[in-house]
Amino acid sequence: MPVFRRRKGSLPRLVPELDDVTLGRVRRRVETCWSRGSLDTAVMALMSDVIDEAGQDWDRKAHRLAVLAASAGRSLPGIWRQHSPKDHGALLLHAWSDLIQARQQDSTVDLHATRETCRLAAELLPADPTPWTLYLATLRLERSPSTELAAIWREIKARDPWNREAHLQALGYLSPDECGSSALVLDLLDGVRSLMPPDAPAAGLELTALVHGHQRAVAGGGMTALGAGEIWRRPDAARALDQAAHYWPGPGFLHHAAALADLNLLAYALLKAGRTAEAGTVLHATGGVATPWPWGMDGEPLERFAHFHGRYASGDPDDGGAGRAASRRR
């Protein structure tokens, strides 16, 4: 008989809502509707309520919209919009669904129409940065000139300076894989590094850029791939890992909606850097909740996460900082 029993809640699992229990209940209802191809008024009300409930926590609102759009398929957001054409949440969910569909091969989504949807949503609730974030995402998909990006970026920053989704969209747009270059990514990071609060929703921006850079090097093959690990020995990378590993797992330090996703990112980066003890502390802090990215870059994401969680996060949950970090997520 084992001395310590693993709590059921800490078993490795993939849940799109992360630790947002209310969102999880609505997601499951939406998926039931999707499977039968219809959307009843009760579920429309649930979606409207869970989006509106986020209030001016724009980060949580974006998280809830992203999860619902991924769970609702293509038809349900359209049905809701037809039923409630002036509902701000319905418009945003429809636009987010468009973006998901537009990434599919041979997509017929009209991104000009999506931008018009974003403009209508922006008129209905001018304080919300989400319509502008989705607008930015359409420009990214179309590889639009950076001159167009600048005006949209100003709209977002004026409403929510550290919006997580917007910063990740901008990072993708400016990356050498898409519309930009390594120099433009560095410009973005330099522009936010000294100003961003350490617990801001976009706190994971630099680590996200580093992980993408590592993966880019691995994908290059040859000597580039062999030297990919050197990224983590650069002063900027070591400094970013040091700060995140020290603060992020602390109880309540990260409090934005996707905090668990950023802890997954940190654990992955620490493992790539060979800092396994710190990775174990962070894996403990996830409470066993895995995310598809970045683990999916190395194989089946839950299998990869579970492997490292079992290897490095299996200590006494009541022992020291690791236990305290884990307990706040359970």
Protein backbone atom coordinates (compact mmCIF):
# COMPACT_ATOMS: atom_id res chain seq x y z
CA MET A 1 0.00 0.00 0.00
CA PRO A 2 1.55 3.34 -1.03
CA VAL A 3 2.34 5.84 1.70
CA PHE A 4 1.02 8.70 -0.42
CA ARG A 5 -2.07 8.36 -2.56
CA ARG A 6 -2.34 10.50 -5.65
CA ARG A 7 -5.38 12.70 -5.45
CA LYS A 8 -7.86 12.15 -8.23
CA GLY A 9 -7.87 15.84 -9.08
CA SER A 10 -4.14 15.80 -9.84
CA LEU A 11 -4.24 12.98 -12.42
CA PRO A 12 -2.91 14.28 -15.76
CA ARG A 13 -5.76 15.43 -17.98
CA LEU A 14 -6.53 17.72 -20.89
CA VAL A 15 -9.41 20.10 -20.21
CA PRO A 16 -9.75 23.11 -22.55
CA GLU A 17 -11.29 25.30 -19.86
CA LEU A 18 -8.24 24.76 -17.59
CA ASP A 19 -9.46 25.59 -14.05
CA ASP A 20 -12.56 27.57 -15.10
CA VAL A 21 -15.22 25.25 -13.68
CA THR A 22 -18.17 27.35 -14.86
CA LEU A 23 -16.83 27.39 -18.40
CA GLY A 24 -16.32 23.64 -18.28
CA ARG A 25 -20.00 23.02 -17.53
CA VAL A 26 -21.09 25.23 -20.42
CA ARG A 27 -18.54 23.66 -22.77
CA ARG A 28 -19.94 20.21 -22.15
CA ARG A 29 -23.50 21.42 -22.86
CA VAL A 30 -22.31 23.06 -26.08
CA GLU A 31 -20.55 19.89 -27.20
CA THR A 32 -23.77 17.95 -26.63
CA CYS A 33 -25.59 20.43 -28.89
CA TRP A 34 -22.85 20.18 -31.50
CA SER A 35 -23.13 16.39 -31.59
CA ARG A 36 -26.83 16.58 -32.39
CA GLY A 37 -26.50 19.56 -34.74
CA SER A 38 -28.97 21.89 -33.01
CA LEU A 39 -28.82 24.74 -30.52
CA ASP A 40 -31.64 25.36 -28.07
CA THR A 41 -32.40 28.66 -26.39
CA ALA A 42 -31.29 27.38 -22.98
CA VAL A 43 -27.77 26.72 -24.26
CA MET A 44 -27.68 30.08 -26.03
CA ALA A 45 -28.52 31.69 -22.70
CA LEU A 46 -25.77 29.70 -20.97
CA MET A 47 -23.20 30.85 -23.53
CA SER A 48 -24.36 34.45 -23.26
CA ASP A 49 -24.21 34.32 -19.46
CA VAL A 50 -20.73 32.76 -19.24
CA ILE A 51 -19.32 35.34 -21.66
CA ASP A 52 -21.05 38.28 -19.98
CA GLU A 53 -20.07 37.02 -16.53
CA ALA A 54 -16.43 37.76 -17.31
CA GLY A 55 -17.32 41.45 -17.20
CA GLN A 56 -14.29 43.63 -17.90
CA ASP A 57 -11.85 40.81 -17.24
CA TRP A 58 -11.01 40.84 -20.94
CA ASP A 59 -8.47 38.06 -20.57
CA ARG A 60 -11.04 35.68 -19.11
CA LYS A 61 -13.60 36.73 -21.71
CA ALA A 62 -11.16 35.86 -24.50
CA HIS A 63 -10.36 32.53 -22.85
CA ARG A 64 -14.04 31.63 -22.60
CA LEU A 65 -14.72 32.64 -26.20
CA ALA A 66 -11.77 30.61 -27.47
CA VAL A 67 -12.91 27.47 -25.63
CA LEU A 68 -16.53 27.84 -26.72
CA ALA A 69 -15.57 28.51 -30.35
CA ALA A 70 -13.43 25.38 -30.44
CA SER A 71 -16.25 23.31 -28.90
CA ALA A 72 -19.17 24.69 -30.93
CA GLY A 73 -18.14 23.58 -34.41
CA ARG A 74 -19.03 25.67 -37.44
CA SER A 75 -22.83 25.75 -37.37
CA LEU A 76 -23.69 26.59 -33.75
CA PRO A 77 -22.11 30.08 -33.66
CA GLY A 78 -23.98 30.93 -36.85
CA ILE A 79 -27.27 29.73 -35.40
CA TRP A 80 -26.76 31.81 -32.27
CA ARG A 81 -25.91 34.90 -34.29
CA GLN A 82 -28.99 34.49 -36.47
CA HIS A 83 -31.12 34.12 -33.34
CA SER A 84 -29.47 37.13 -31.59
CA PRO A 85 -27.91 39.38 -34.25
CA LYS A 86 -27.20 42.20 -31.78
CA ASP A 87 -25.77 40.05 -29.01
CA HIS A 88 -22.16 41.08 -28.45
CA GLY A 89 -21.13 37.58 -27.34
CA ALA A 90 -22.81 35.95 -30.33
CA LEU A 91 -20.94 38.23 -32.72
CA LEU A 92 -17.58 37.56 -31.08
CA LEU A 93 -18.16 33.80 -30.97
CA HIS A 94 -19.08 33.83 -34.66
CA ALA A 95 -15.92 35.79 -35.51
CA TRP A 96 -13.74 33.47 -33.42
CA SER A 97 -15.33 30.47 -35.14
CA ASP A 98 -14.48 32.06 -38.49
CA LEU A 99 -10.83 32.25 -37.48
CA ILE A 100 -10.74 28.58 -36.51
CA GLN A 101 -12.34 27.59 -39.81
CA ALA A 102 -10.10 29.91 -41.83
CA ARG A 103 -7.04 27.98 -40.65
CA GLN A 104 -8.36 24.81 -42.26
CA GLN A 105 -7.16 23.78 -45.69
CA ASP A 106 -9.42 24.91 -48.56
CA SER A 107 -11.41 27.16 -46.22
CA THR A 108 -14.03 29.42 -47.82
CA VAL A 109 -14.33 31.83 -44.87
CA ASP A 110 -14.64 35.46 -45.96
CA LEU A 111 -12.30 37.28 -43.59
CA HIS A 112 -13.53 40.65 -44.84
CA ALA A 113 -16.96 39.68 -43.48
CA THR A 114 -15.28 38.56 -40.25
CA ARG A 115 -13.73 42.00 -39.86
CA GLU A 116 -17.14 43.58 -40.37
CA THR A 117 -18.44 41.35 -37.57
CA CYS A 118 -15.59 42.60 -35.38
CA ARG A 119 -16.43 46.22 -36.19
CA LEU A 120 -20.07 45.68 -35.26
CA ALA A 121 -19.06 44.06 -31.96
CA ALA A 122 -16.70 46.96 -31.26
CA GLU A 123 -19.54 49.43 -31.76
CA LEU A 124 -21.78 47.52 -29.35
CA LEU A 125 -19.17 47.52 -26.55
CA PRO A 126 -16.44 50.07 -27.29
CA ALA A 127 -14.37 49.30 -24.17
CA ASP A 128 -13.78 45.66 -25.15
CA PRO A 129 -10.42 44.92 -26.83
CA THR A 130 -11.58 41.50 -28.04
CA PRO A 131 -13.06 42.63 -31.39
CA TRP A 132 -9.78 44.37 -32.20
CA THR A 133 -7.79 41.30 -31.16
CA LEU A 134 -9.84 39.17 -33.54
CA TYR A 135 -9.40 41.80 -36.23
CA LEU A 136 -5.63 41.54 -35.72
CA ALA A 137 -5.90 37.76 -36.09
CA THR A 138 -7.58 38.13 -39.49
CA LEU A 139 -4.71 40.36 -40.67
CA ARG A 140 -2.28 37.71 -39.47
CA LEU A 141 -4.05 35.01 -41.44
CA GLU A 142 -4.02 37.12 -44.58
CA ARG A 143 -0.35 38.12 -44.12
CA SER A 144 -1.44 41.76 -44.36
CA PRO A 145 1.20 44.54 -44.33
CA SER A 146 2.44 45.63 -40.92
CA THR A 147 1.19 49.16 -41.57
CA GLU A 148 -2.33 47.83 -41.08
CA LEU A 149 -1.32 46.08 -37.87
CA ALA A 150 -0.10 49.27 -36.19
CA ALA A 151 -3.52 50.99 -36.09
CA ILE A 152 -5.25 47.89 -34.71
CA TRP A 153 -2.50 47.44 -32.13
CA ARG A 154 -3.10 50.96 -30.85
CA GLU A 155 -6.82 50.19 -30.41
CA ILE A 156 -5.99 47.11 -28.33
CA LYS A 157 -3.34 48.75 -26.16
CA ALA A 158 -5.65 51.67 -25.41
CA ARG A 159 -8.22 49.24 -23.96
CA ASP A 160 -6.11 46.50 -22.34
CA PRO A 161 -2.34 47.09 -22.36
CA TRP A 162 -1.36 43.52 -21.41
CA ASN A 163 -4.01 41.46 -23.19
CA ARG A 164 -2.64 37.93 -23.47
CA GLU A 165 -4.40 36.86 -26.67
CA ALA A 166 -3.50 40.08 -28.48
CA HIS A 167 0.18 39.80 -27.57
CA LEU A 168 0.30 36.18 -28.73
CA GLN A 169 -1.36 37.13 -32.02
CA ALA A 170 1.14 39.96 -32.50
CA LEU A 171 4.03 37.61 -31.71
CA GLY A 172 2.81 35.14 -34.33
CA TYR A 173 2.33 37.87 -36.92
CA LEU A 174 5.85 39.28 -36.36
CA SER A 175 7.62 35.91 -36.29
CA PRO A 176 9.94 34.83 -39.13
CA ASP A 177 7.50 31.97 -39.82
CA GLU A 178 4.79 34.43 -40.83
CA CYS A 179 4.99 38.13 -41.69
CA GLY A 180 8.08 39.26 -39.81
CA SER A 181 11.57 38.38 -38.68
CA SER A 182 13.61 37.58 -35.60
CA ALA A 183 14.50 41.28 -35.39
CA LEU A 184 10.83 42.29 -35.25
CA VAL A 185 10.17 39.73 -32.51
CA LEU A 186 13.04 41.21 -30.51
CA ASP A 187 11.61 44.69 -31.04
CA LEU A 188 8.26 43.51 -29.65
CA LEU A 189 9.90 41.91 -26.61
CA ASP A 190 12.13 44.90 -25.96
CA GLY A 191 9.10 47.15 -26.12
CA VAL A 192 7.23 45.31 -23.38
CA ARG A 193 9.91 43.70 -21.19
CA SER A 194 10.64 46.66 -18.94
CA LEU A 195 7.04 47.86 -18.70
CA MET A 196 4.97 44.70 -18.28
CA PRO A 197 4.01 43.77 -14.70
CA PRO A 198 5.51 40.37 -13.82
CA ASP A 199 2.05 38.90 -13.19
CA ALA A 200 0.35 40.36 -16.27
CA PRO A 201 -1.78 38.06 -18.47
CA ALA A 202 0.85 38.44 -21.21
CA ALA A 203 3.72 37.50 -18.88
CA GLY A 204 4.46 34.37 -20.91
CA LEU A 205 5.20 36.29 -24.11
CA GLU A 206 8.99 36.03 -23.93
CA LEU A 207 8.95 32.34 -22.99
CA THR A 208 6.53 31.70 -25.86
CA ALA A 209 8.98 33.36 -28.26
CA LEU A 210 11.87 31.32 -26.85
CA VAL A 211 10.00 28.01 -27.18
CA HIS A 212 9.04 28.86 -30.76
CA GLY A 213 12.67 29.73 -31.46
CA HIS A 214 13.80 26.41 -29.99
CA GLN A 215 11.27 24.50 -32.08
CA ARG A 216 12.30 26.44 -35.20
CA ALA A 217 15.90 25.40 -34.62
CA VAL A 218 14.92 21.74 -34.11
CA ALA A 219 12.83 21.77 -37.29
CA GLY A 220 15.80 23.19 -39.23
CA GLY A 221 17.66 19.90 -38.86
CA GLY A 222 21.40 19.35 -39.12
CA MET A 223 23.74 21.42 -37.01
CA THR A 224 20.97 23.92 -36.31
CA ALA A 225 18.94 21.22 -34.58
CA LEU A 226 21.96 19.91 -32.68
CA GLY A 227 22.57 23.38 -31.28
CA ALA A 228 18.94 24.11 -30.41
CA GLY A 229 19.59 23.64 -26.70
CA GLU A 230 22.02 26.55 -26.72
CA ILE A 231 19.01 28.87 -26.81
CA TRP A 232 18.41 28.16 -23.11
CA ARG A 233 21.96 29.17 -22.20
CA ARG A 234 21.61 32.64 -23.66
CA PRO A 235 21.53 35.39 -20.99
CA ASP A 236 18.05 36.59 -22.03
CA ALA A 237 16.61 33.07 -21.91
CA ALA A 238 18.26 32.24 -18.57
CA ARG A 239 16.98 35.50 -17.10
CA ALA A 240 13.41 34.84 -18.31
CA LEU A 241 13.49 31.29 -16.90
CA ASP A 242 14.98 32.45 -13.59
CA GLN A 243 12.27 35.04 -13.03
CA ALA A 244 9.38 32.83 -14.08
CA ALA A 245 10.58 29.79 -12.13
CA HIS A 246 10.98 31.91 -9.00
CA TYR A 247 7.61 33.66 -9.09
CA TRP A 248 5.05 31.84 -11.21
CA PRO A 249 4.49 28.68 -9.12
CA GLY A 250 3.88 30.76 -5.99
CA PRO A 251 0.34 30.61 -4.57
CA GLY A 252 -1.85 33.09 -6.41
CA PHE A 253 1.00 34.84 -8.24
CA LEU A 254 -0.46 34.16 -11.69
CA HIS A 255 -4.17 34.87 -11.56
CA HIS A 256 -5.24 35.31 -15.20
CA ALA A 257 -7.58 32.87 -16.92
CA ALA A 258 -4.85 30.98 -18.80
CA ALA A 259 -2.39 30.82 -15.90
CA LEU A 260 -2.30 27.02 -16.10
CA ALA A 261 -1.37 27.23 -19.77
CA ASP A 262 1.56 29.48 -18.89
CA LEU A 263 2.68 27.08 -16.16
CA ASN A 264 2.66 24.31 -18.77
CA LEU A 265 4.80 26.51 -21.00
CA LEU A 266 7.25 27.20 -18.17
CA ALA A 267 7.54 23.53 -17.22
CA TYR A 268 8.26 22.59 -20.83
CA ALA A 269 10.91 25.31 -21.19
CA LEU A 270 12.61 24.32 -17.93
CA LEU A 271 12.77 20.70 -19.09
CA LYS A 272 14.32 21.75 -22.38
CA ALA A 273 16.86 23.78 -20.40
CA GLY A 274 17.67 20.73 -18.24
CA ARG A 275 16.34 22.36 -15.06
CA THR A 276 14.34 19.34 -13.97
CA ALA A 277 13.96 20.14 -10.25
CA GLU A 278 12.36 23.49 -11.03
CA ALA A 279 10.26 21.86 -13.75
CA GLY A 280 8.95 19.41 -11.14
CA THR A 281 7.82 22.28 -8.92
CA VAL A 282 5.98 23.90 -11.82
CA LEU A 283 4.42 20.62 -12.95
CA HIS A 284 3.13 20.21 -9.38
CA ALA A 285 1.59 23.67 -9.62
CA THR A 286 -0.45 22.69 -12.68
CA GLY A 287 -2.48 20.28 -10.56
CA GLY A 288 -2.19 17.79 -13.43
CA VAL A 289 -3.88 20.00 -16.04
CA ALA A 290 -2.08 19.67 -19.37
CA THR A 291 -2.30 21.82 -22.48
CA PRO A 292 -1.94 20.72 -26.12
CA TRP A 293 0.82 23.27 -26.69
CA PRO A 294 3.74 23.06 -26.23
CA TRP A 295 3.70 19.34 -25.32
CA GLY A 296 2.20 18.43 -28.70
CA MET A 297 5.39 19.51 -30.45
CA ASP A 298 7.12 16.37 -29.10
CA GLY A 299 4.34 13.82 -29.52
CA GLU A 300 0.89 13.13 -28.09
CA PRO A 301 0.50 16.02 -25.62
CA LEU A 302 -1.15 14.25 -22.71
CA GLU A 303 1.30 11.36 -22.94
CA ARG A 304 4.27 13.72 -22.94
CA PHE A 305 2.90 15.78 -20.05
CA ALA A 306 1.98 12.67 -18.02
CA HIS A 307 5.47 11.22 -18.55
CA PHE A 308 7.22 14.26 -17.10
CA HIS A 309 4.55 14.88 -14.46
CA GLY A 310 4.95 11.34 -13.19
CA ARG A 311 8.72 11.55 -13.25
CA TYR A 312 9.31 14.94 -11.70
CA ALA A 313 6.12 16.01 -9.90
CA SER A 314 5.53 12.90 -7.80
CA GLY A 315 6.98 14.10 -4.47
CA ASP A 316 5.16 14.71 -1.23
CA PRO A 317 2.44 17.26 -2.08
CA ASP A 318 2.77 18.70 1.45
CA ASP A 319 6.55 19.10 1.27
CA GLY A 320 7.89 22.62 0.76
CA GLY A 321 7.20 25.10 -1.99
CA ALA A 322 6.26 22.48 -4.58
CA GLY A 323 3.45 21.21 -2.42
CA ARG A 324 2.20 24.69 -1.63
CA ALA A 325 2.21 25.59 -5.33
CA ALA A 326 0.31 22.47 -6.22
CA SER A 327 -2.32 22.92 -3.52
CA ARG A 328 -3.54 26.24 -4.88
CA ARG A 329 -4.68 24.56 -8.10
CA ARG A 330 -6.51 21.62 -6.50
